[in-house]
Amino acid sequence: ALTDRFCRPLAFLLTGGQVADCKAGAILLERLPTCRLLLADKGYDSDAIRRQIEATGAAPNIPPKVNRCWKPCFSPVLYRGRNAIERMFGRLKDFRRIATRYDRLATNYLAAVCLAATVSYWL
């Protein structure tokens, strides 16, 4: 998911459990609006993701993985704002259908997530 600083969802992408975060992140970043700073989880720490973020004119603030040889700069103070996405997911999980994933098909589940996000944030 991609959110703004006010916890409002901007884009969703549903992938399989075996897909790495950085592969899904590259697709989500194509929908990134103009911003100055992008906060992301450790799962998105790859050189390709960082280059893609910097190409849009934003600065990535992603905690480096422990196995990195070269550790890019990271600000823990700025990283505190990343809880916006956690709050967005918490609000979406107030809908029982989203929290328990009753839908068997991925398209139906993604539609339910988009509908819940529209109802809780944009209406």
C-alpha atoms as a PDB file:
ATOM      1  CA  ALA A   1       0.000   0.000   0.000  1.00  0.00           C
ATOM      2  CA  LEU A   2       0.972   3.592  -0.522  1.00  0.00           C
ATOM      3  CA  THR A   3      -0.321   6.306   1.816  1.00  0.00           C
ATOM      4  CA  ASP A   4       0.135  10.005   2.370  1.00  0.00           C
ATOM      5  CA  ARG A   5       1.160  11.585   5.663  1.00  0.00           C
ATOM      6  CA  PHE A   6      -2.486  11.896   6.732  1.00  0.00           C
ATOM      7  CA  CYS A   7      -2.894   8.070   6.646  1.00  0.00           C
ATOM      8  CA  ARG A   8      -5.069   8.203   3.522  1.00  0.00           C
ATOM      9  CA  PRO A   9      -4.472   5.327   1.100  1.00  0.00           C
ATOM     10  CA  LEU A  10      -3.243   6.278  -2.360  1.00  0.00           C
ATOM     11  CA  ALA A  11      -2.640   2.877  -4.000  1.00  0.00           C
ATOM     12  CA  PHE A  12      -2.956  -0.815  -3.215  1.00  0.00           C
ATOM     13  CA  LEU A  13      -1.226  -3.812  -4.730  1.00  0.00           C
ATOM     14  CA  LEU A  14      -2.088  -7.356  -3.733  1.00  0.00           C
ATOM     15  CA  THR A  15       0.641  -9.958  -4.254  1.00  0.00           C
ATOM     16  CA  GLY A  16       1.248 -13.532  -3.277  1.00  0.00           C
ATOM     17  CA  GLY A  17       2.902 -14.354   0.021  1.00  0.00           C
ATOM     18  CA  GLN A  18       6.107 -15.478  -1.671  1.00  0.00           C
ATOM     19  CA  VAL A  19       6.680 -12.207  -3.571  1.00  0.00           C
ATOM     20  CA  ALA A  20       9.391  -9.944  -2.173  1.00  0.00           C
ATOM     21  CA  ASP A  21       8.398  -6.477  -0.966  1.00  0.00           C
ATOM     22  CA  CYS A  22      10.916  -4.726  -3.190  1.00  0.00           C
ATOM     23  CA  LYS A  23       9.345  -6.184  -6.369  1.00  0.00           C
ATOM     24  CA  ALA A  24       5.889  -4.972  -5.388  1.00  0.00           C
ATOM     25  CA  GLY A  25       7.330  -1.649  -4.241  1.00  0.00           C
ATOM     26  CA  ALA A  26       8.748  -0.892  -7.671  1.00  0.00           C
ATOM     27  CA  ILE A  27       5.263  -1.192  -9.173  1.00  0.00           C
ATOM     28  CA  LEU A  28       3.676   0.917  -6.437  1.00  0.00           C
ATOM     29  CA  LEU A  29       6.255   3.673  -6.841  1.00  0.00           C
ATOM     30  CA  GLU A  30       4.995   4.306 -10.362  1.00  0.00           C
ATOM     31  CA  ARG A  31       1.873   5.796  -8.714  1.00  0.00           C
ATOM     32  CA  LEU A  32       3.851   7.955  -6.307  1.00  0.00           C
ATOM     33  CA  PRO A  33       2.714  11.588  -6.311  1.00  0.00           C
ATOM     34  CA  THR A  34       5.265  14.361  -5.982  1.00  0.00           C
ATOM     35  CA  CYS A  35       6.788  14.416  -2.527  1.00  0.00           C
ATOM     36  CA  ARG A  36      10.048  15.389  -0.853  1.00  0.00           C
ATOM     37  CA  LEU A  37      10.529  12.415   1.481  1.00  0.00           C
ATOM     38  CA  LEU A  38       9.474   8.784   1.188  1.00  0.00           C
ATOM     39  CA  LEU A  39       9.428   6.553   4.263  1.00  0.00           C
ATOM     40  CA  ALA A  40       9.542   2.804   3.733  1.00  0.00           C
ATOM     41  CA  ASP A  41      10.117  -0.402   5.653  1.00  0.00           C
ATOM     42  CA  LYS A  42      13.325  -2.454   5.662  1.00  0.00           C
ATOM     43  CA  GLY A  43      11.813  -4.816   3.102  1.00  0.00           C
ATOM     44  CA  TYR A  44      12.086  -2.066   0.481  1.00  0.00           C
ATOM     45  CA  ASP A  45      15.808  -1.496   1.011  1.00  0.00           C
ATOM     46  CA  SER A  46      17.310  -2.161  -2.388  1.00  0.00           C
ATOM     47  CA  ASP A  47      19.453  -0.046  -4.666  1.00  0.00           C
ATOM     48  CA  ALA A  48      16.863  -0.212  -7.468  1.00  0.00           C
ATOM     49  CA  ILE A  49      14.084   1.105  -5.202  1.00  0.00           C
ATOM     50  CA  ARG A  50      16.327   3.883  -3.911  1.00  0.00           C
ATOM     51  CA  ARG A  51      17.240   4.940  -7.459  1.00  0.00           C
ATOM     52  CA  GLN A  52      13.574   4.889  -8.489  1.00  0.00           C
ATOM     53  CA  ILE A  53      12.632   7.120  -5.531  1.00  0.00           C
ATOM     54  CA  GLU A  54      15.479   9.543  -6.224  1.00  0.00           C
ATOM     55  CA  ALA A  55      14.482   9.715  -9.903  1.00  0.00           C
ATOM     56  CA  THR A  56      11.127  11.185  -8.844  1.00  0.00           C
ATOM     57  CA  GLY A  57      12.905  13.898  -6.861  1.00  0.00           C
ATOM     58  CA  ALA A  58      12.162  12.482  -3.415  1.00  0.00           C
ATOM     59  CA  ALA A  59      14.641  11.441  -0.739  1.00  0.00           C
ATOM     60  CA  PRO A  60      14.325   7.840   0.510  1.00  0.00           C
ATOM     61  CA  ASN A  61      14.429   7.280   4.270  1.00  0.00           C
ATOM     62  CA  ILE A  62      14.621   3.506   4.512  1.00  0.00           C
ATOM     63  CA  PRO A  63      16.409   1.679   7.327  1.00  0.00           C
ATOM     64  CA  PRO A  64      19.308  -0.306   5.850  1.00  0.00           C
ATOM     65  CA  LYS A  65      19.319  -4.077   6.069  1.00  0.00           C
ATOM     66  CA  VAL A  66      21.924  -5.561   8.390  1.00  0.00           C
ATOM     67  CA  ASN A  67      23.690  -7.430   5.565  1.00  0.00           C
ATOM     68  CA  ARG A  68      24.411  -4.274   3.514  1.00  0.00           C
ATOM     69  CA  CYS A  69      28.082  -3.463   2.954  1.00  0.00           C
ATOM     70  CA  TRP A  70      27.448   0.239   2.301  1.00  0.00           C
ATOM     71  CA  LYS A  71      24.823   1.695   4.614  1.00  0.00           C
ATOM     72  CA  PRO A  72      23.048   4.764   3.215  1.00  0.00           C
ATOM     73  CA  CYS A  73      22.063   7.621   5.501  1.00  0.00           C
ATOM     74  CA  PHE A  74      18.952   7.054   7.589  1.00  0.00           C
ATOM     75  CA  SER A  75      17.156   9.281  10.089  1.00  0.00           C
ATOM     76  CA  PRO A  76      15.281   7.487  12.900  1.00  0.00           C
ATOM     77  CA  VAL A  77      13.589  10.766  13.851  1.00  0.00           C
ATOM     78  CA  LEU A  78      12.012  11.141  10.401  1.00  0.00           C
ATOM     79  CA  TYR A  79      11.199   7.413  10.312  1.00  0.00           C
ATOM     80  CA  ARG A  80       8.697   7.865  13.153  1.00  0.00           C
ATOM     81  CA  GLY A  81       6.223   9.157  10.582  1.00  0.00           C
ATOM     82  CA  ARG A  82       6.039   5.718   8.971  1.00  0.00           C
ATOM     83  CA  ASN A  83       3.364   4.707  11.444  1.00  0.00           C
ATOM     84  CA  ALA A  84       0.873   6.408   9.097  1.00  0.00           C
ATOM     85  CA  ILE A  85       0.658   3.230   7.035  1.00  0.00           C
ATOM     86  CA  GLU A  86       0.211   1.114  10.171  1.00  0.00           C
ATOM     87  CA  ARG A  87      -2.645   3.363  11.269  1.00  0.00           C
ATOM     88  CA  MET A  88      -4.215   3.071   7.817  1.00  0.00           C
ATOM     89  CA  PHE A  89      -4.111  -0.728   7.964  1.00  0.00           C
ATOM     90  CA  GLY A  90      -5.497  -0.666  11.508  1.00  0.00           C
ATOM     91  CA  ARG A  91      -8.439   1.409  10.365  1.00  0.00           C
ATOM     92  CA  LEU A  92      -9.102  -0.875   7.407  1.00  0.00           C
ATOM     93  CA  LYS A  93      -9.056  -3.906   9.690  1.00  0.00           C
ATOM     94  CA  ASP A  94     -12.029  -2.447  11.547  1.00  0.00           C
ATOM     95  CA  PHE A  95     -13.973  -3.945   8.657  1.00  0.00           C
ATOM     96  CA  ARG A  96     -14.387  -7.610   9.525  1.00  0.00           C
ATOM     97  CA  ARG A  97     -14.334  -8.695   5.890  1.00  0.00           C
ATOM     98  CA  ILE A  98     -10.865  -7.180   5.469  1.00  0.00           C
ATOM     99  CA  ALA A  99      -9.401  -8.414   8.754  1.00  0.00           C
ATOM    100  CA  THR A 100     -10.457 -12.050   8.297  1.00  0.00           C
ATOM    101  CA  ARG A 101     -10.201 -12.223   4.483  1.00  0.00           C
ATOM    102  CA  TYR A 102     -13.412 -14.065   3.718  1.00  0.00           C
ATOM    103  CA  ASP A 103     -12.980 -13.691  -0.038  1.00  0.00           C
ATOM    104  CA  ARG A 104     -11.217 -16.512  -1.763  1.00  0.00           C
ATOM    105  CA  LEU A 105     -10.381 -14.670  -4.962  1.00  0.00           C
ATOM    106  CA  ALA A 106      -7.694 -12.000  -4.875  1.00  0.00           C
ATOM    107  CA  THR A 107      -9.681  -9.664  -7.122  1.00  0.00           C
ATOM    108  CA  ASN A 108     -12.694  -9.788  -4.796  1.00  0.00           C
ATOM    109  CA  TYR A 109     -10.511  -9.148  -1.750  1.00  0.00           C
ATOM    110  CA  LEU A 110      -8.746  -6.213  -3.406  1.00  0.00           C
ATOM    111  CA  ALA A 111     -12.120  -4.773  -4.384  1.00  0.00           C
ATOM    112  CA  ALA A 112     -13.288  -5.069  -0.761  1.00  0.00           C
ATOM    113  CA  VAL A 113     -10.121  -3.324   0.450  1.00  0.00           C
ATOM    114  CA  CYS A 114     -10.613  -0.491  -2.048  1.00  0.00           C
ATOM    115  CA  LEU A 115     -14.253  -0.161  -1.052  1.00  0.00           C
ATOM    116  CA  ALA A 116     -13.413  -0.090   2.659  1.00  0.00           C
ATOM    117  CA  ALA A 117     -10.707   2.516   2.037  1.00  0.00           C
ATOM    118  CA  THR A 118     -13.120   4.672   0.064  1.00  0.00           C
ATOM    119  CA  VAL A 119     -15.778   4.487   2.747  1.00  0.00           C
ATOM    120  CA  SER A 120     -13.446   5.127   5.678  1.00  0.00           C
ATOM    121  CA  TYR A 121     -11.199   7.798   4.167  1.00  0.00           C
ATOM    122  CA  TRP A 122     -12.659   9.480   1.139  1.00  0.00           C
ATOM    123  CA  LEU A 123     -16.403   9.742   1.880  1.00  0.00           C
END
